[in-house]
Amino acid sequence: MFIMISFKSMLDQAGLNRQHIFDLARLPPDLLVPLDLGEHQRQLILIGDFCKAARSAIEYGARASVALPNA
């Protein structure tokens, strides 16, 4: 039996769970300058890891801020 798995699903399973495609024409020029892009390039593909440790830290921070009394 052959099971088709999407590329996004494979990235998610590998822990690379942040995938975005940006249209370069819609991004600010000052953001693009350091990338040294060629004129034929039209998209920026970003693949990243929003790891469990980061999520845990954010969740912990949210819980801590709720638990703190007003100063």
Protein backbone atom coordinates (compact mmCIF):
# COMPACT_ATOMS: atom_id res chain seq x y z
CA MET A 1 0.00 0.00 0.00
CA PHE A 2 1.32 3.44 -0.98
CA ILE A 3 0.40 6.40 1.24
CA MET A 4 0.88 9.92 -0.05
CA ILE A 5 2.24 12.36 2.56
CA SER A 6 2.30 16.08 1.83
CA PHE A 7 5.54 18.03 1.95
CA LYS A 8 4.06 20.26 4.69
CA SER A 9 3.18 17.20 6.74
CA MET A 10 6.72 15.84 6.36
CA LEU A 11 8.15 19.17 7.54
CA ASP A 12 5.75 19.23 10.49
CA GLN A 13 6.77 15.72 11.50
CA ALA A 14 10.43 16.71 11.29
CA GLY A 15 9.77 19.56 13.75
CA LEU A 16 9.93 22.27 11.07
CA ASN A 17 6.44 23.45 11.80
CA ARG A 18 6.65 27.06 10.62
CA GLN A 19 6.33 27.38 6.85
CA HIS A 20 5.54 30.61 5.05
CA ILE A 21 5.87 31.87 1.49
CA PHE A 22 6.27 35.64 1.13
CA ASP A 23 5.68 37.65 -2.04
CA LEU A 24 8.83 39.78 -2.32
CA ALA A 25 6.91 42.62 -3.97
CA ARG A 26 4.87 43.03 -0.77
CA LEU A 27 7.84 43.12 1.64
CA PRO A 28 9.58 46.37 2.70
CA PRO A 29 12.73 47.12 0.65
CA ASP A 30 14.90 47.56 3.76
CA LEU A 31 14.13 43.96 4.71
CA LEU A 32 15.20 42.68 1.29
CA VAL A 33 18.54 44.53 0.96
CA PRO A 34 20.52 42.20 3.28
CA LEU A 35 19.21 39.16 1.37
CA ASP A 36 20.99 40.26 -1.84
CA LEU A 37 18.25 38.81 -4.05
CA GLY A 38 18.39 38.61 -7.82
CA GLU A 39 15.80 40.40 -9.94
CA HIS A 40 14.32 37.09 -11.11
CA GLN A 41 13.40 36.00 -7.57
CA ARG A 42 9.77 36.59 -6.63
CA GLN A 43 9.21 34.66 -3.40
CA LEU A 44 10.91 34.11 -0.08
CA ILE A 45 10.26 30.70 1.45
CA LEU A 46 10.77 30.51 5.19
CA ILE A 47 10.96 27.17 6.97
CA GLY A 48 11.56 27.25 10.70
CA ASP A 49 11.23 25.43 13.97
CA PHE A 50 8.85 26.68 16.62
CA CYS A 51 10.09 24.09 19.06
CA LYS A 52 8.41 22.67 22.12
CA ALA A 53 10.87 24.52 24.37
CA ALA A 54 9.80 27.87 22.89
CA ARG A 55 6.13 27.00 23.26
CA SER A 56 6.71 25.89 26.85
CA ALA A 57 8.54 29.13 27.66
CA ILE A 58 5.76 31.23 26.14
CA GLU A 59 3.08 29.24 27.96
CA TYR A 60 5.05 29.49 31.23
CA GLY A 61 5.44 33.25 30.76
CA ALA A 62 1.71 33.60 30.13
CA ARG A 63 0.88 31.62 33.26
CA ALA A 64 3.42 33.58 35.33
CA SER A 65 2.05 36.94 34.18
CA VAL A 66 -1.46 35.88 35.16
CA ALA A 67 -0.27 34.69 38.57
CA LEU A 68 1.65 37.89 39.42
CA PRO A 69 -0.17 40.49 41.54
CA ASN A 70 -0.56 44.01 40.19
CA ALA A 71 2.27 46.28 41.35
